[in-house]
Amino acid sequence: MSNIQNNSVPALEQDSNIPQNEDLLIDLAELFKIFGDSTRIKILFALLKHELSVGEIAQQLSATDSAISHQLKILKANKLVKSQRNGKSIIYSLSDSHVTSILSQGIEHISE
């Protein structure tokens, strides 16, 4: 974190690299926990390329619809994916460009 300039991250206090708002820190820790499951990461990468239904994601990941639905519920509750109804199907996509950025920066970090 010491390489991050305070003015580039509005949530950080100007006097310190550590945010002083305990609720913010707890929420951030919870967000990072979501990325601690490889199935959820695989789902996010699948959605990086295309909007997909549960069945399509399950097929790509060789998983059951039930297992994928469970993980999508967690991802949706944490605002990492969104859904829209298309006829009888529900189609999932990444919530916004922040998710793409988090995935890209994570890959860059571990590839260094």
PDB file of N, CA and C in Angstrom:
ATOM      1  N   MET A   1       0.816  -1.195   0.000  1.00  0.00           N
ATOM      2  CA  MET A   1       0.000   0.000   0.000  1.00  0.00           C
ATOM      3  C   MET A   1       0.858   1.257   0.000  1.00  0.00           C
ATOM      4  N   SER A   2       2.115   1.157   0.423  1.00  0.00           N
ATOM      5  CA  SER A   2       2.917   2.368   0.535  1.00  0.00           C
ATOM      6  C   SER A   2       3.169   3.022  -0.817  1.00  0.00           C
ATOM      7  N   ASN A   3       3.007   2.284  -1.925  1.00  0.00           N
ATOM      8  CA  ASN A   3       3.202   2.856  -3.244  1.00  0.00           C
ATOM      9  C   ASN A   3       1.970   3.582  -3.751  1.00  0.00           C
ATOM     10  N   ILE A   4       0.846   3.445  -3.083  1.00  0.00           N
ATOM     11  CA  ILE A   4      -0.387   4.104  -3.502  1.00  0.00           C
ATOM     12  C   ILE A   4      -0.382   5.526  -2.966  1.00  0.00           C
ATOM     13  N   GLN A   5      -0.600   6.474  -3.860  1.00  0.00           N
ATOM     14  CA  GLN A   5      -0.674   7.857  -3.427  1.00  0.00           C
ATOM     15  C   GLN A   5      -2.054   8.109  -2.854  1.00  0.00           C
ATOM     16  N   ASN A   6      -2.112   8.792  -1.733  1.00  0.00           N
ATOM     17  CA  ASN A   6      -3.383   9.038  -1.054  1.00  0.00           C
ATOM     18  C   ASN A   6      -4.408   9.738  -1.930  1.00  0.00           C
ATOM     19  N   ASN A   7      -3.980  10.667  -2.780  1.00  0.00           N
ATOM     20  CA  ASN A   7      -4.949  11.391  -3.585  1.00  0.00           C
ATOM     21  C   ASN A   7      -5.556  10.534  -4.685  1.00  0.00           C
ATOM     22  N   SER A   8      -4.989   9.352  -4.975  1.00  0.00           N
ATOM     23  CA  SER A   8      -5.550   8.483  -5.998  1.00  0.00           C
ATOM     24  C   SER A   8      -6.590   7.529  -5.428  1.00  0.00           C
ATOM     25  N   VAL A   9      -6.686   7.426  -4.115  1.00  0.00           N
ATOM     26  CA  VAL A   9      -7.651   6.540  -3.476  1.00  0.00           C
ATOM     27  C   VAL A   9      -8.443   7.361  -2.473  1.00  0.00           C
ATOM     28  N   PRO A  10      -9.642   7.836  -2.871  1.00  0.00           N
ATOM     29  CA  PRO A  10     -10.383   8.752  -2.016  1.00  0.00           C
ATOM     30  C   PRO A  10     -10.759   8.175  -0.653  1.00  0.00           C
ATOM     31  N   ALA A  11     -10.861   6.858  -0.512  1.00  0.00           N
ATOM     32  CA  ALA A  11     -11.278   6.278   0.756  1.00  0.00           C
ATOM     33  C   ALA A  11     -10.171   6.327   1.803  1.00  0.00           C
ATOM     34  N   LEU A  12      -8.937   6.568   1.402  1.00  0.00           N
ATOM     35  CA  LEU A  12      -7.832   6.591   2.348  1.00  0.00           C
ATOM     36  C   LEU A  12      -7.736   7.961   3.009  1.00  0.00           C
ATOM     37  N   GLU A  13      -7.399   7.935   4.286  1.00  0.00           N
ATOM     38  CA  GLU A  13      -7.188   9.180   5.028  1.00  0.00           C
ATOM     39  C   GLU A  13      -5.909   9.847   4.519  1.00  0.00           C
ATOM     40  N   GLN A  14      -5.877  11.154   4.521  1.00  0.00           N
ATOM     41  CA  GLN A  14      -4.708  11.878   4.029  1.00  0.00           C
ATOM     42  C   GLN A  14      -3.482  11.696   4.926  1.00  0.00           C
ATOM     43  N   ASP A  15      -3.673  11.425   6.216  1.00  0.00           N
ATOM     44  CA  ASP A  15      -2.558  11.317   7.154  1.00  0.00           C
ATOM     45  C   ASP A  15      -1.942   9.928   7.197  1.00  0.00           C
ATOM     46  N   SER A  16      -2.588   8.943   6.607  1.00  0.00           N
ATOM     47  CA  SER A  16      -2.132   7.575   6.777  1.00  0.00           C
ATOM     48  C   SER A  16      -2.533   6.733   5.576  1.00  0.00           C
ATOM     49  N   ASN A  17      -1.785   5.670   5.323  1.00  0.00           N
ATOM     50  CA  ASN A  17      -2.158   4.721   4.281  1.00  0.00           C
ATOM     51  C   ASN A  17      -3.220   3.747   4.765  1.00  0.00           C
ATOM     52  N   ILE A  18      -3.509   3.725   6.064  1.00  0.00           N
ATOM     53  CA  ILE A  18      -4.509   2.823   6.625  1.00  0.00           C
ATOM     54  C   ILE A  18      -5.801   3.599   6.849  1.00  0.00           C
ATOM     55  N   PRO A  19      -6.892   3.192   6.195  1.00  0.00           N
ATOM     56  CA  PRO A  19      -8.169   3.884   6.434  1.00  0.00           C
ATOM     57  C   PRO A  19      -8.535   3.830   7.913  1.00  0.00           C
ATOM     58  N   GLN A  20      -9.076   4.914   8.436  1.00  0.00           N
ATOM     59  CA  GLN A  20      -9.407   4.995   9.848  1.00  0.00           C
ATOM     60  C   GLN A  20     -10.842   4.549  10.143  1.00  0.00           C
ATOM     61  N   ASN A  21     -11.654   4.353   9.115  1.00  0.00           N
ATOM     62  CA  ASN A  21     -13.032   3.932   9.290  1.00  0.00           C
ATOM     63  C   ASN A  21     -13.087   2.414   9.422  1.00  0.00           C
ATOM     64  N   GLU A  22     -13.386   1.915  10.614  1.00  0.00           N
ATOM     65  CA  GLU A  22     -13.387   0.472  10.891  1.00  0.00           C
ATOM     66  C   GLU A  22     -14.402  -0.259  10.017  1.00  0.00           C
ATOM     67  N   ASP A  23     -15.568   0.334   9.797  1.00  0.00           N
ATOM     68  CA  ASP A  23     -16.583  -0.307   8.949  1.00  0.00           C
ATOM     69  C   ASP A  23     -16.072  -0.479   7.518  1.00  0.00           C
ATOM     70  N   LEU A  24     -15.348   0.507   7.033  1.00  0.00           N
ATOM     71  CA  LEU A  24     -14.766   0.417   5.693  1.00  0.00           C
ATOM     72  C   LEU A  24     -13.766  -0.732   5.621  1.00  0.00           C
ATOM     73  N   LEU A  25     -12.936  -0.863   6.636  1.00  0.00           N
ATOM     74  CA  LEU A  25     -11.950  -1.943   6.667  1.00  0.00           C
ATOM     75  C   LEU A  25     -12.618  -3.311   6.705  1.00  0.00           C
ATOM     76  N   ILE A  26     -13.677  -3.436   7.483  1.00  0.00           N
ATOM     77  CA  ILE A  26     -14.413  -4.702   7.565  1.00  0.00           C
ATOM     78  C   ILE A  26     -15.036  -5.041   6.219  1.00  0.00           C
ATOM     79  N   ASP A  27     -15.663  -4.048   5.578  1.00  0.00           N
ATOM     80  CA  ASP A  27     -16.269  -4.270   4.261  1.00  0.00           C
ATOM     81  C   ASP A  27     -15.213  -4.668   3.227  1.00  0.00           C
ATOM     82  N   LEU A  28     -14.057  -4.036   3.280  1.00  0.00           N
ATOM     83  CA  LEU A  28     -12.983  -4.366   2.348  1.00  0.00           C
ATOM     84  C   LEU A  28     -12.486  -5.794   2.577  1.00  0.00           C
ATOM     85  N   ALA A  29     -12.327  -6.172   3.827  1.00  0.00           N
ATOM     86  CA  ALA A  29     -11.901  -7.542   4.142  1.00  0.00           C
ATOM     87  C   ALA A  29     -12.927  -8.558   3.633  1.00  0.00           C
ATOM     88  N   GLU A  30     -14.198  -8.251   3.795  1.00  0.00           N
ATOM     89  CA  GLU A  30     -15.260  -9.144   3.305  1.00  0.00           C
ATOM     90  C   GLU A  30     -15.213  -9.250   1.785  1.00  0.00           C
ATOM     91  N   LEU A  31     -14.965  -8.131   1.103  1.00  0.00           N
ATOM     92  CA  LEU A  31     -14.862  -8.162  -0.353  1.00  0.00           C
ATOM     93  C   LEU A  31     -13.726  -9.078  -0.789  1.00  0.00           C
ATOM     94  N   PHE A  32     -12.578  -8.939  -0.154  1.00  0.00           N
ATOM     95  CA  PHE A  32     -11.431  -9.758  -0.545  1.00  0.00           C
ATOM     96  C   PHE A  32     -11.655 -11.233  -0.232  1.00  0.00           C
ATOM     97  N   LYS A  33     -12.447 -11.548   0.774  1.00  0.00           N
ATOM     98  CA  LYS A  33     -12.776 -12.950   1.058  1.00  0.00           C
ATOM     99  C   LYS A  33     -13.511 -13.596  -0.114  1.00  0.00           C
ATOM    100  N   ILE A  34     -14.322 -12.818  -0.795  1.00  0.00           N
ATOM    101  CA  ILE A  34     -15.082 -13.332  -1.937  1.00  0.00           C
ATOM    102  C   ILE A  34     -14.130 -13.841  -3.015  1.00  0.00           C
ATOM    103  N   PHE A  35     -12.990 -13.193  -3.169  1.00  0.00           N
ATOM    104  CA  PHE A  35     -12.011 -13.599  -4.176  1.00  0.00           C
ATOM    105  C   PHE A  35     -11.170 -14.791  -3.710  1.00  0.00           C
ATOM    106  N   GLY A  36     -11.430 -15.308  -2.521  1.00  0.00           N
ATOM    107  CA  GLY A  36     -10.664 -16.420  -1.975  1.00  0.00           C
ATOM    108  C   GLY A  36     -11.154 -17.787  -2.405  1.00  0.00           C
ATOM    109  N   ASP A  37     -12.125 -17.847  -3.291  1.00  0.00           N
ATOM    110  CA  ASP A  37     -12.675 -19.120  -3.751  1.00  0.00           C
ATOM    111  C   ASP A  37     -12.412 -19.265  -5.244  1.00  0.00           C
ATOM    112  N   SER A  38     -11.737 -20.342  -5.642  1.00  0.00           N
ATOM    113  CA  SER A  38     -11.355 -20.486  -7.055  1.00  0.00           C
ATOM    114  C   SER A  38     -12.561 -20.634  -7.977  1.00  0.00           C
ATOM    115  N   THR A  39     -13.649 -21.219  -7.510  1.00  0.00           N
ATOM    116  CA  THR A  39     -14.839 -21.330  -8.355  1.00  0.00           C
ATOM    117  C   THR A  39     -15.402 -19.944  -8.651  1.00  0.00           C
ATOM    118  N   ARG A  40     -15.456 -19.091  -7.645  1.00  0.00           N
ATOM    119  CA  ARG A  40     -15.955 -17.733  -7.871  1.00  0.00           C
ATOM    120  C   ARG A  40     -15.038 -16.974  -8.840  1.00  0.00           C
ATOM    121  N   ILE A  41     -13.729 -17.156  -8.708  1.00  0.00           N
ATOM    122  CA  ILE A  41     -12.791 -16.506  -9.621  1.00  0.00           C
ATOM    123  C   ILE A  41     -13.022 -17.010 -11.043  1.00  0.00           C
ATOM    124  N   LYS A  42     -13.222 -18.311 -11.206  1.00  0.00           N
ATOM    125  CA  LYS A  42     -13.481 -18.872 -12.537  1.00  0.00           C
ATOM    126  C   LYS A  42     -14.769 -18.295 -13.125  1.00  0.00           C
ATOM    127  N   ILE A  43     -15.782 -18.153 -12.308  1.00  0.00           N
ATOM    128  CA  ILE A  43     -17.043 -17.565 -12.771  1.00  0.00           C
ATOM    129  C   ILE A  43     -16.804 -16.134 -13.245  1.00  0.00           C
ATOM    130  N   LEU A  44     -16.079 -15.356 -12.466  1.00  0.00           N
ATOM    131  CA  LEU A  44     -15.806 -13.966 -12.845  1.00  0.00           C
ATOM    132  C   LEU A  44     -15.038 -13.894 -14.160  1.00  0.00           C
ATOM    133  N   PHE A  45     -14.061 -14.776 -14.339  1.00  0.00           N
ATOM    134  CA  PHE A  45     -13.309 -14.776 -15.594  1.00  0.00           C
ATOM    135  C   PHE A  45     -14.178 -15.220 -16.764  1.00  0.00           C
ATOM    136  N   ALA A  46     -15.081 -16.156 -16.540  1.00  0.00           N
ATOM    137  CA  ALA A  46     -16.006 -16.565 -17.603  1.00  0.00           C
ATOM    138  C   ALA A  46     -16.892 -15.388 -18.007  1.00  0.00           C
ATOM    139  N   LEU A  47     -17.346 -14.624 -17.023  1.00  0.00           N
ATOM    140  CA  LEU A  47     -18.212 -13.478 -17.297  1.00  0.00           C
ATOM    141  C   LEU A  47     -17.441 -12.291 -17.860  1.00  0.00           C
ATOM    142  N   LEU A  48     -16.148 -12.312 -17.720  1.00  0.00           N
ATOM    143  CA  LEU A  48     -15.307 -11.260 -18.290  1.00  0.00           C
ATOM    144  C   LEU A  48     -15.425 -11.262 -19.811  1.00  0.00           C
ATOM    145  N   LYS A  49     -15.607 -12.445 -20.386  1.00  0.00           N
ATOM    146  CA  LYS A  49     -15.672 -12.590 -21.840  1.00  0.00           C
ATOM    147  C   LYS A  49     -17.083 -12.420 -22.389  1.00  0.00           C
ATOM    148  N   HIS A  50     -18.089 -12.975 -21.676  1.00  0.00           N
ATOM    149  CA  HIS A  50     -19.461 -12.986 -22.186  1.00  0.00           C
ATOM    150  C   HIS A  50     -20.460 -12.953 -21.042  1.00  0.00           C
ATOM    151  N   GLU A  51     -21.643 -12.440 -21.324  1.00  0.00           N
ATOM    152  CA  GLU A  51     -22.777 -12.626 -20.416  1.00  0.00           C
ATOM    153  C   GLU A  51     -23.217 -14.075 -20.574  1.00  0.00           C
ATOM    154  N   LEU A  52     -23.511 -14.738 -19.453  1.00  0.00           N
ATOM    155  CA  LEU A  52     -23.825 -16.165 -19.504  1.00  0.00           C
ATOM    156  C   LEU A  52     -24.958 -16.526 -18.544  1.00  0.00           C
ATOM    157  N   SER A  53     -25.641 -17.612 -18.855  1.00  0.00           N
ATOM    158  CA  SER A  53     -26.644 -18.169 -17.949  1.00  0.00           C
ATOM    159  C   SER A  53     -25.956 -19.118 -16.974  1.00  0.00           C
ATOM    160  N   VAL A  54     -26.683 -19.541 -15.968  1.00  0.00           N
ATOM    161  CA  VAL A  54     -26.140 -20.499 -14.997  1.00  0.00           C
ATOM    162  C   VAL A  54     -25.679 -21.758 -15.711  1.00  0.00           C
ATOM    163  N   GLY A  55     -26.516 -22.274 -16.602  1.00  0.00           N
ATOM    164  CA  GLY A  55     -26.178 -23.509 -17.318  1.00  0.00           C
ATOM    165  C   GLY A  55     -24.924 -23.372 -18.159  1.00  0.00           C
ATOM    166  N   GLU A  56     -24.775 -22.230 -18.816  1.00  0.00           N
ATOM    167  CA  GLU A  56     -23.583 -21.999 -19.642  1.00  0.00           C
ATOM    168  C   GLU A  56     -22.325 -21.917 -18.784  1.00  0.00           C
ATOM    169  N   ILE A  57     -22.435 -21.257 -17.640  1.00  0.00           N
ATOM    170  CA  ILE A  57     -21.285 -21.177 -16.727  1.00  0.00           C
ATOM    171  C   ILE A  57     -20.955 -22.567 -16.198  1.00  0.00           C
ATOM    172  N   ALA A  58     -21.977 -23.299 -15.796  1.00  0.00           N
ATOM    173  CA  ALA A  58     -21.779 -24.656 -15.263  1.00  0.00           C
ATOM    174  C   ALA A  58     -21.089 -25.545 -16.296  1.00  0.00           C
ATOM    175  N   GLN A  59     -21.511 -25.431 -17.537  1.00  0.00           N
ATOM    176  CA  GLN A  59     -20.901 -26.237 -18.604  1.00  0.00           C
ATOM    177  C   GLN A  59     -19.430 -25.867 -18.783  1.00  0.00           C
ATOM    178  N   GLN A  60     -19.125 -24.574 -18.820  1.00  0.00           N
ATOM    179  CA  GLN A  60     -17.734 -24.136 -18.993  1.00  0.00           C
ATOM    180  C   GLN A  60     -16.842 -24.585 -17.851  1.00  0.00           C
ATOM    181  N   LEU A  61     -17.397 -24.613 -16.635  1.00  0.00           N
ATOM    182  CA  LEU A  61     -16.601 -24.942 -15.458  1.00  0.00           C
ATOM    183  C   LEU A  61     -16.715 -26.414 -15.055  1.00  0.00           C
ATOM    184  N   SER A  62     -17.476 -27.187 -15.823  1.00  0.00           N
ATOM    185  CA  SER A  62     -17.721 -28.604 -15.493  1.00  0.00           C
ATOM    186  C   SER A  62     -18.230 -28.735 -14.059  1.00  0.00           C
ATOM    187  N   ALA A  63     -19.242 -27.949 -13.750  1.00  0.00           N
ATOM    188  CA  ALA A  63     -19.838 -27.934 -12.410  1.00  0.00           C
ATOM    189  C   ALA A  63     -21.346 -28.093 -12.548  1.00  0.00           C
ATOM    190  N   THR A  64     -22.008 -28.297 -11.433  1.00  0.00           N
ATOM    191  CA  THR A  64     -23.461 -28.415 -11.457  1.00  0.00           C
ATOM    192  C   THR A  64     -24.103 -27.033 -11.454  1.00  0.00           C
ATOM    193  N   ASP A  65     -25.309 -26.971 -11.993  1.00  0.00           N
ATOM    194  CA  ASP A  65     -26.056 -25.712 -11.969  1.00  0.00           C
ATOM    195  C   ASP A  65     -26.235 -25.228 -10.539  1.00  0.00           C
ATOM    196  N   SER A  66     -26.494 -26.165  -9.632  1.00  0.00           N
ATOM    197  CA  SER A  66     -26.711 -25.822  -8.225  1.00  0.00           C
ATOM    198  C   SER A  66     -25.470 -25.166  -7.610  1.00  0.00           C
ATOM    199  N   ALA A  67     -24.317 -25.744  -7.879  1.00  0.00           N
ATOM    200  CA  ALA A  67     -23.065 -25.187  -7.331  1.00  0.00           C
ATOM    201  C   ALA A  67     -22.810 -23.787  -7.886  1.00  0.00           C
ATOM    202  N   ILE A  68     -23.057 -23.600  -9.175  1.00  0.00           N
ATOM    203  CA  ILE A  68     -22.843 -22.293  -9.797  1.00  0.00           C
ATOM    204  C   ILE A  68     -23.850 -21.280  -9.264  1.00  0.00           C
ATOM    205  N   SER A  69     -25.107 -21.692  -9.139  1.00  0.00           N
ATOM    206  CA  SER A  69     -26.137 -20.791  -8.601  1.00  0.00           C
ATOM    207  C   SER A  69     -25.771 -20.303  -7.209  1.00  0.00           C
ATOM    208  N   HIS A  70     -25.256 -21.213  -6.386  1.00  0.00           N
ATOM    209  CA  HIS A  70     -24.852 -20.845  -5.023  1.00  0.00           C
ATOM    210  C   HIS A  70     -23.753 -19.780  -5.059  1.00  0.00           C
ATOM    211  N   GLN A  71     -22.750 -19.979  -5.909  1.00  0.00           N
ATOM    212  CA  GLN A  71     -21.651 -19.020  -5.987  1.00  0.00           C
ATOM    213  C   GLN A  71     -22.105 -17.693  -6.592  1.00  0.00           C
ATOM    214  N   LEU A  72     -23.003 -17.753  -7.569  1.00  0.00           N
ATOM    215  CA  LEU A  72     -23.530 -16.524  -8.163  1.00  0.00           C
ATOM    216  C   LEU A  72     -24.320 -15.710  -7.148  1.00  0.00           C
ATOM    217  N   LYS A  73     -25.023 -16.390  -6.265  1.00  0.00           N
ATOM    218  CA  LYS A  73     -25.773 -15.692  -5.212  1.00  0.00           C
ATOM    219  C   LYS A  73     -24.812 -14.883  -4.335  1.00  0.00           C
ATOM    220  N   ILE A  74     -23.686 -15.477  -3.992  1.00  0.00           N
ATOM    221  CA  ILE A  74     -22.675 -14.792  -3.182  1.00  0.00           C
ATOM    222  C   ILE A  74     -22.080 -13.615  -3.954  1.00  0.00           C
ATOM    223  N   LEU A  75     -21.749 -13.847  -5.215  1.00  0.00           N
ATOM    224  CA  LEU A  75     -21.172 -12.783  -6.040  1.00  0.00           C
ATOM    225  C   LEU A  75     -22.159 -11.637  -6.235  1.00  0.00           C
ATOM    226  N   LYS A  76     -23.414 -11.974  -6.421  1.00  0.00           N
ATOM    227  CA  LYS A  76     -24.435 -10.942  -6.616  1.00  0.00           C
ATOM    228  C   LYS A  76     -24.667 -10.160  -5.321  1.00  0.00           C
ATOM    229  N   ALA A  77     -24.714 -10.850  -4.187  1.00  0.00           N
ATOM    230  CA  ALA A  77     -24.914 -10.184  -2.897  1.00  0.00           C
ATOM    231  C   ALA A  77     -23.790  -9.195  -2.596  1.00  0.00           C
ATOM    232  N   ASN A  78     -22.616  -9.465  -3.150  1.00  0.00           N
ATOM    233  CA  ASN A  78     -21.457  -8.589  -2.947  1.00  0.00           C
ATOM    234  C   ASN A  78     -21.221  -7.643  -4.113  1.00  0.00           C
ATOM    235  N   LYS A  79     -22.226  -7.522  -4.977  1.00  0.00           N
ATOM    236  CA  LYS A  79     -22.243  -6.549  -6.075  1.00  0.00           C
ATOM    237  C   LYS A  79     -21.105  -6.736  -7.077  1.00  0.00           C
ATOM    238  N   LEU A  80     -20.682  -7.995  -7.256  1.00  0.00           N
ATOM    239  CA  LEU A  80     -19.655  -8.280  -8.245  1.00  0.00           C
ATOM    240  C   LEU A  80     -20.256  -8.737  -9.568  1.00  0.00           C
ATOM    241  N   VAL A  81     -21.458  -9.303  -9.518  1.00  0.00           N
ATOM    242  CA  VAL A  81     -22.186  -9.661 -10.733  1.00  0.00           C
ATOM    243  C   VAL A  81     -23.599  -9.104 -10.645  1.00  0.00           C
ATOM    244  N   LYS A  82     -24.209  -8.968 -11.807  1.00  0.00           N
ATOM    245  CA  LYS A  82     -25.607  -8.546 -11.888  1.00  0.00           C
ATOM    246  C   LYS A  82     -26.319  -9.518 -12.810  1.00  0.00           C
ATOM    247  N   SER A  83     -27.636  -9.480 -12.773  1.00  0.00           N
ATOM    248  CA  SER A  83     -28.408 -10.393 -13.606  1.00  0.00           C
ATOM    249  C   SER A  83     -29.555  -9.666 -14.273  1.00  0.00           C
ATOM    250  N   GLN A  84     -30.005 -10.255 -15.372  1.00  0.00           N
ATOM    251  CA  GLN A  84     -31.192  -9.747 -16.051  1.00  0.00           C
ATOM    252  C   GLN A  84     -31.925 -10.938 -16.647  1.00  0.00           C
ATOM    253  N   ARG A  85     -33.225 -10.843 -16.661  1.00  0.00           N
ATOM    254  CA  ARG A  85     -34.042 -11.919 -17.209  1.00  0.00           C
ATOM    255  C   ARG A  85     -34.101 -11.774 -18.722  1.00  0.00           C
ATOM    256  N   ASN A  86     -33.930 -12.907 -19.402  1.00  0.00           N
ATOM    257  CA  ASN A  86     -34.043 -12.978 -20.856  1.00  0.00           C
ATOM    258  C   ASN A  86     -34.963 -14.153 -21.169  1.00  0.00           C
ATOM    259  N   GLY A  87     -36.250 -13.871 -21.270  1.00  0.00           N
ATOM    260  CA  GLY A  87     -37.224 -14.950 -21.433  1.00  0.00           C
ATOM    261  C   GLY A  87     -37.294 -15.764 -20.156  1.00  0.00           C
ATOM    262  N   LYS A  88     -37.048 -17.058 -20.278  1.00  0.00           N
ATOM    263  CA  LYS A  88     -37.058 -17.933 -19.101  1.00  0.00           C
ATOM    264  C   LYS A  88     -35.694 -18.009 -18.420  1.00  0.00           C
ATOM    265  N   SER A  89     -34.678 -17.479 -19.068  1.00  0.00           N
ATOM    266  CA  SER A  89     -33.316 -17.557 -18.533  1.00  0.00           C
ATOM    267  C   SER A  89     -32.946 -16.295 -17.767  1.00  0.00           C
ATOM    268  N   ILE A  90     -32.028 -16.473 -16.844  1.00  0.00           N
ATOM    269  CA  ILE A  90     -31.413 -15.331 -16.168  1.00  0.00           C
ATOM    270  C   ILE A  90     -29.972 -15.275 -16.661  1.00  0.00           C
ATOM    271  N   ILE A  91     -29.594 -14.121 -17.163  1.00  0.00           N
ATOM    272  CA  ILE A  91     -28.268 -13.930 -17.737  1.00  0.00           C
ATOM    273  C   ILE A  91     -27.438 -13.093 -16.761  1.00  0.00           C
ATOM    274  N   TYR A  92     -26.226 -13.564 -16.505  1.00  0.00           N
ATOM    275  CA  TYR A  92     -25.331 -12.897 -15.552  1.00  0.00           C
ATOM    276  C   TYR A  92     -24.209 -12.181 -16.295  1.00  0.00           C
ATOM    277  N   SER A  93     -23.766 -11.078 -15.704  1.00  0.00           N
ATOM    278  CA  SER A  93     -22.636 -10.316 -16.231  1.00  0.00           C
ATOM    279  C   SER A  93     -21.914  -9.670 -15.053  1.00  0.00           C
ATOM    280  N   LEU A  94     -20.707  -9.179 -15.312  1.00  0.00           N
ATOM    281  CA  LEU A  94     -19.975  -8.456 -14.271  1.00  0.00           C
ATOM    282  C   LEU A  94     -20.712  -7.163 -13.964  1.00  0.00           C
ATOM    283  N   SER A  95     -20.685  -6.747 -12.719  1.00  0.00           N
ATOM    284  CA  SER A  95     -21.427  -5.556 -12.302  1.00  0.00           C
ATOM    285  C   SER A  95     -20.920  -4.276 -12.943  1.00  0.00           C
ATOM    286  N   ASP A  96     -19.605  -4.130 -13.010  1.00  0.00           N
ATOM    287  CA  ASP A  96     -19.053  -2.902 -13.571  1.00  0.00           C
ATOM    288  C   ASP A  96     -17.572  -3.081 -13.871  1.00  0.00           C
ATOM    289  N   SER A  97     -16.955  -2.022 -14.345  1.00  0.00           N
ATOM    290  CA  SER A  97     -15.545  -2.078 -14.734  1.00  0.00           C
ATOM    291  C   SER A  97     -14.605  -2.267 -13.542  1.00  0.00           C
ATOM    292  N   HIS A  98     -15.084  -1.991 -12.329  1.00  0.00           N
ATOM    293  CA  HIS A  98     -14.231  -2.204 -11.153  1.00  0.00           C
ATOM    294  C   HIS A  98     -13.862  -3.676 -11.007  1.00  0.00           C
ATOM    295  N   VAL A  99     -14.797  -4.554 -11.303  1.00  0.00           N
ATOM    296  CA  VAL A  99     -14.537  -5.993 -11.181  1.00  0.00           C
ATOM    297  C   VAL A  99     -13.454  -6.399 -12.174  1.00  0.00           C
ATOM    298  N   THR A 100     -13.568  -5.912 -13.391  1.00  0.00           N
ATOM    299  CA  THR A 100     -12.550  -6.185 -14.410  1.00  0.00           C
ATOM    300  C   THR A 100     -11.192  -5.675 -13.942  1.00  0.00           C
ATOM    301  N   SER A 101     -11.175  -4.490 -13.378  1.00  0.00           N
ATOM    302  CA  SER A 101      -9.939  -3.894 -12.892  1.00  0.00           C
ATOM    303  C   SER A 101      -9.313  -4.713 -11.765  1.00  0.00           C
ATOM    304  N   ILE A 102     -10.129  -5.178 -10.834  1.00  0.00           N
ATOM    305  CA  ILE A 102      -9.623  -5.990  -9.725  1.00  0.00           C
ATOM    306  C   ILE A 102      -8.990  -7.267 -10.261  1.00  0.00           C
ATOM    307  N   LEU A 103      -9.671  -7.926 -11.203  1.00  0.00           N
ATOM    308  CA  LEU A 103      -9.140  -9.159 -11.786  1.00  0.00           C
ATOM    309  C   LEU A 103      -7.840  -8.885 -12.545  1.00  0.00           C
ATOM    310  N   SER A 104      -7.821  -7.834 -13.339  1.00  0.00           N
ATOM    311  CA  SER A 104      -6.624  -7.493 -14.120  1.00  0.00           C
ATOM    312  C   SER A 104      -5.450  -7.161 -13.220  1.00  0.00           C
ATOM    313  N   GLN A 105      -5.695  -6.354 -12.189  1.00  0.00           N
ATOM    314  CA  GLN A 105      -4.609  -5.984 -11.284  1.00  0.00           C
ATOM    315  C   GLN A 105      -4.114  -7.182 -10.491  1.00  0.00           C
ATOM    316  N   GLY A 106      -5.006  -8.086 -10.130  1.00  0.00           N
ATOM    317  CA  GLY A 106      -4.591  -9.302  -9.432  1.00  0.00           C
ATOM    318  C   GLY A 106      -3.679 -10.144 -10.285  1.00  0.00           C
ATOM    319  N   ILE A 107      -4.045 -10.317 -11.553  1.00  0.00           N
ATOM    320  CA  ILE A 107      -3.206 -11.092 -12.483  1.00  0.00           C
ATOM    321  C   ILE A 107      -1.860 -10.408 -12.674  1.00  0.00           C
ATOM    322  N   GLU A 108      -1.859  -9.095 -12.848  1.00  0.00           N
ATOM    323  CA  GLU A 108      -0.599  -8.359 -12.998  1.00  0.00           C
ATOM    324  C   GLU A 108       0.276  -8.550 -11.771  1.00  0.00           C
ATOM    325  N   HIS A 109      -0.323  -8.464 -10.596  1.00  0.00           N
ATOM    326  CA  HIS A 109       0.444  -8.561  -9.345  1.00  0.00           C
ATOM    327  C   HIS A 109       1.122  -9.928  -9.214  1.00  0.00           C
ATOM    328  N   ILE A 110       0.377 -10.993  -9.468  1.00  0.00           N
ATOM    329  CA  ILE A 110       0.977 -12.326  -9.273  1.00  0.00           C
ATOM    330  C   ILE A 110       1.901 -12.708 -10.415  1.00  0.00           C
ATOM    331  N   SER A 111       1.815 -11.994 -11.538  1.00  0.00           N
ATOM    332  CA  SER A 111       2.673 -12.294 -12.682  1.00  0.00           C
ATOM    333  C   SER A 111       4.024 -11.583 -12.617  1.00  0.00           C
ATOM    334  N   GLU A 112       4.185 -10.661 -11.698  1.00  0.00           N
ATOM    335  CA  GLU A 112       5.434  -9.903 -11.599  1.00  0.00           C
ATOM    336  C   GLU A 112       6.549 -10.757 -11.075  1.00  0.00           C
TER     337      GLU A 112
END
